[in-house]
Amino acid sequence: MHSFEEQTVVAAEVVGDRIPALAPLRSRDADPAARVLVVGVDGRGIATARGVKDILHKAEAHVVDHHRDQRHVVIVVQVDDELSDHAQRGAHRWAGGIQTARQRARGAEVSVVLLLIDPATRPTTVQQRIDELKCRPAGVNCAVVLTGEEIRHEPIAVVSARDYI
C-alpha cells in the first residue's frame, strides 16, 4: 500500500503573472515536463464580477497555451479582498467549464483548482498546498474554487471534499 507521501514529488510549470503568492514556486520549479501547471493571475484591484470574468479569460489563454500532459491545473489569482458571492459563483462556473474543456482536449482526467489568494495568505502556504496536489491523482478534485482563508490550515483535498459533501 502506497501513501501519497511516498510518491515522487514532481515539479510544477509556473506561467502567467508574477504575483507574490507564487514567489517561492517561481524560483524553485521550472520543469517543462511537469505534471502540474500553475497559472498566476494578478487580480489585485479587481472588484466586480465583470473584472473577475476578464482575468479568468486571461488565465484560460495561459491554460490553453501551456496545458499539455499535466494532470493538475492550478490557477492562483492574487486578490485584494474576498470577492463578492456573485463573482465567486462566476469563478465556480468558469472552473467547471475549463476542467471539462481540458479533460476533453487531453482525453484523460484533469483537475482544475482555482485559488483566490488574499494578502493574509502566506506564499509558503500556497506553495505547500500546490506541493500536496502534486502527489494526488487527477480527478479527486475535479473543479474547485477556494479562498486563501479556506486553505490556510487544511490541504485543498480536505477542504474540497468538505465542500463536495
Protein backbone atom coordinates (compact mmCIF):
# COMPACT_ATOMS: atom_id res chain seq x y z
CA MET A 1 0.00 0.00 0.00
CA HIS A 2 1.42 3.36 -1.01
CA SER A 3 0.75 6.67 0.64
CA PHE A 4 0.84 9.93 -1.25
CA GLU A 5 3.87 10.96 0.82
CA GLU A 6 5.92 8.02 -0.53
CA GLN A 7 5.43 9.01 -4.17
CA THR A 8 7.99 11.08 -6.03
CA VAL A 9 7.12 14.76 -5.93
CA VAL A 10 7.18 16.29 -9.39
CA ALA A 11 7.81 19.88 -10.37
CA ALA A 12 5.26 22.45 -11.41
CA GLU A 13 5.43 24.56 -14.53
CA VAL A 14 4.60 28.12 -13.47
CA VAL A 15 3.32 30.61 -16.07
CA GLY A 16 1.39 33.86 -16.12
CA ASP A 17 1.69 36.93 -13.94
CA ARG A 18 4.42 37.30 -11.35
CA ILE A 19 2.39 37.54 -8.18
CA PRO A 20 3.54 37.45 -4.55
CA ALA A 21 1.60 34.25 -3.83
CA LEU A 22 3.79 32.31 -6.30
CA ALA A 23 7.19 33.79 -5.45
CA PRO A 24 8.56 30.55 -3.86
CA LEU A 25 7.43 28.43 -6.82
CA ARG A 26 8.95 30.68 -9.46
CA SER A 27 12.44 30.32 -8.08
CA ARG A 28 12.16 26.61 -7.40
CA ASP A 29 10.09 24.90 -10.08
CA ALA A 30 10.77 25.28 -13.78
CA ASP A 31 10.47 21.78 -15.24
CA PRO A 32 8.92 21.73 -18.74
CA ALA A 33 7.94 18.07 -18.18
CA ALA A 34 5.96 18.99 -15.05
CA ARG A 35 2.73 17.20 -14.17
CA VAL A 36 1.22 20.35 -12.60
CA LEU A 37 0.52 23.59 -14.45
CA VAL A 38 0.32 26.65 -12.20
CA VAL A 39 -1.04 29.88 -13.70
CA GLY A 40 -0.52 33.13 -11.81
CA VAL A 41 -3.07 35.90 -12.32
CA ASP A 42 -2.86 39.38 -10.82
CA GLY A 43 -6.39 40.21 -9.72
CA ARG A 44 -5.46 43.00 -7.34
CA GLY A 45 -7.71 45.97 -7.94
CA ILE A 46 -10.48 43.79 -9.40
CA ALA A 47 -13.74 44.33 -7.54
CA THR A 48 -16.54 43.42 -9.96
CA ALA A 49 -17.84 40.16 -11.37
CA ARG A 50 -17.00 41.51 -14.86
CA GLY A 51 -13.41 42.17 -13.77
CA VAL A 52 -13.13 38.63 -12.44
CA LYS A 53 -14.50 37.29 -15.73
CA ASP A 54 -11.87 39.26 -17.66
CA ILE A 55 -8.95 37.96 -15.59
CA LEU A 56 -10.26 34.39 -15.83
CA HIS A 57 -10.29 34.69 -19.63
CA LYS A 58 -6.65 35.76 -19.37
CA ALA A 59 -5.96 32.68 -17.22
CA GLU A 60 -7.75 30.47 -19.73
CA ALA A 61 -5.46 31.70 -22.51
CA HIS A 62 -2.44 30.63 -20.43
CA VAL A 63 -4.01 27.24 -19.77
CA VAL A 64 -4.74 26.65 -23.46
CA ASP A 65 -1.21 27.72 -24.44
CA HIS A 66 0.64 25.69 -21.81
CA HIS A 67 -1.51 22.70 -20.82
CA ARG A 68 -0.03 19.50 -22.19
CA ASP A 69 0.09 16.34 -20.10
CA GLN A 70 -0.23 17.96 -16.68
CA ARG A 71 -2.80 16.18 -14.53
CA HIS A 72 -3.48 19.24 -12.35
CA VAL A 73 -4.12 22.82 -13.41
CA VAL A 74 -3.90 25.31 -10.55
CA ILE A 75 -4.89 28.91 -11.23
CA VAL A 76 -3.75 31.25 -8.46
CA VAL A 77 -5.47 34.64 -8.51
CA GLN A 78 -3.95 37.25 -6.21
CA VAL A 79 -6.83 39.42 -4.92
CA ASP A 80 -7.00 42.39 -2.54
CA ASP A 81 -10.04 41.18 -0.60
CA GLU A 82 -12.60 38.42 -0.68
CA LEU A 83 -14.68 38.51 -3.86
CA SER A 84 -18.43 39.02 -3.87
CA ASP A 85 -20.70 35.96 -3.89
CA HIS A 86 -21.70 36.82 -7.47
CA ALA A 87 -18.05 36.90 -8.59
CA GLN A 88 -17.29 33.64 -6.77
CA ARG A 89 -20.24 31.90 -8.43
CA GLY A 90 -18.90 33.03 -11.80
CA ALA A 91 -15.48 31.67 -10.85
CA HIS A 92 -17.04 28.28 -9.97
CA ARG A 93 -18.80 28.11 -13.35
CA TRP A 94 -15.55 29.04 -15.11
CA ALA A 95 -13.54 26.37 -13.25
CA GLY A 96 -16.06 23.69 -14.21
CA GLY A 97 -16.03 24.77 -17.84
CA ILE A 98 -12.26 24.88 -18.14
CA GLN A 99 -11.97 21.47 -16.43
CA THR A 100 -14.40 19.91 -18.90
CA ALA A 101 -12.68 21.52 -21.90
CA ARG A 102 -9.17 20.48 -20.82
CA GLN A 103 -10.29 16.96 -19.99
CA ARG A 104 -11.79 16.61 -23.48
CA ALA A 105 -8.67 18.08 -25.10
CA ARG A 106 -6.35 15.81 -23.13
CA GLY A 107 -8.54 12.70 -23.24
CA ALA A 108 -7.76 11.95 -19.60
CA GLU A 109 -8.67 13.08 -16.10
CA VAL A 110 -7.66 16.65 -15.26
CA SER A 111 -8.22 18.52 -12.01
CA VAL A 112 -8.69 22.29 -12.03
CA VAL A 113 -8.16 24.22 -8.80
CA LEU A 114 -8.79 27.96 -8.70
CA LEU A 115 -7.27 29.64 -5.63
CA LEU A 116 -8.38 33.17 -4.73
CA ILE A 117 -5.46 34.30 -2.57
CA ASP A 118 -5.71 37.38 -0.35
CA PRO A 119 -2.78 39.27 1.21
CA ALA A 120 -3.21 37.41 4.53
CA THR A 121 -2.28 34.07 2.92
CA ARG A 122 1.45 33.44 3.01
CA PRO A 123 3.17 32.41 -0.24
CA THR A 124 4.69 29.42 1.59
CA THR A 125 1.15 28.20 2.34
CA VAL A 126 0.24 28.40 -1.35
CA GLN A 127 3.43 26.51 -2.22
CA GLN A 128 2.67 23.83 0.37
CA ARG A 129 -0.88 23.34 -0.93
CA ILE A 130 0.34 23.01 -4.52
CA ASP A 131 3.02 20.55 -3.40
CA GLU A 132 0.31 18.46 -1.74
CA LEU A 133 -1.66 18.35 -5.00
CA LYS A 134 1.34 17.15 -6.98
CA CYS A 135 1.09 13.74 -5.34
CA ARG A 136 -2.66 13.32 -5.72
CA PRO A 137 -4.27 11.51 -8.63
CA ALA A 138 -6.21 13.59 -11.12
CA GLY A 139 -9.95 13.59 -10.80
CA VAL A 140 -10.02 13.71 -7.00
CA ASN A 141 -10.56 17.50 -7.03
CA CYS A 142 -12.33 17.85 -10.39
CA ALA A 143 -13.04 21.60 -10.40
CA VAL A 144 -12.85 23.58 -7.18
CA VAL A 145 -12.62 27.24 -6.21
CA LEU A 146 -11.13 28.01 -2.81
CA THR A 147 -10.11 31.13 -0.95
CA GLY A 148 -6.87 31.75 0.89
CA GLU A 149 -8.75 31.56 4.17
CA GLU A 150 -10.04 28.08 3.31
CA ILE A 151 -6.58 26.64 2.57
CA ARG A 152 -4.60 28.34 5.36
CA HIS A 153 -4.89 25.43 7.77
CA GLU A 154 -6.01 22.46 5.68
CA PRO A 155 -4.99 20.84 2.38
CA ILE A 156 -7.00 21.52 -0.76
CA ALA A 157 -8.22 17.91 -0.85
CA VAL A 158 -9.71 18.16 2.65
CA VAL A 159 -11.45 21.49 2.03
CA SER A 160 -12.79 20.49 -1.39
CA ALA A 161 -14.09 17.16 -0.04
CA ARG A 162 -15.96 19.01 2.70
CA ASP A 163 -17.45 21.39 0.11
CA TYR A 164 -18.49 18.40 -2.03
CA ILE A 165 -20.29 16.71 0.85
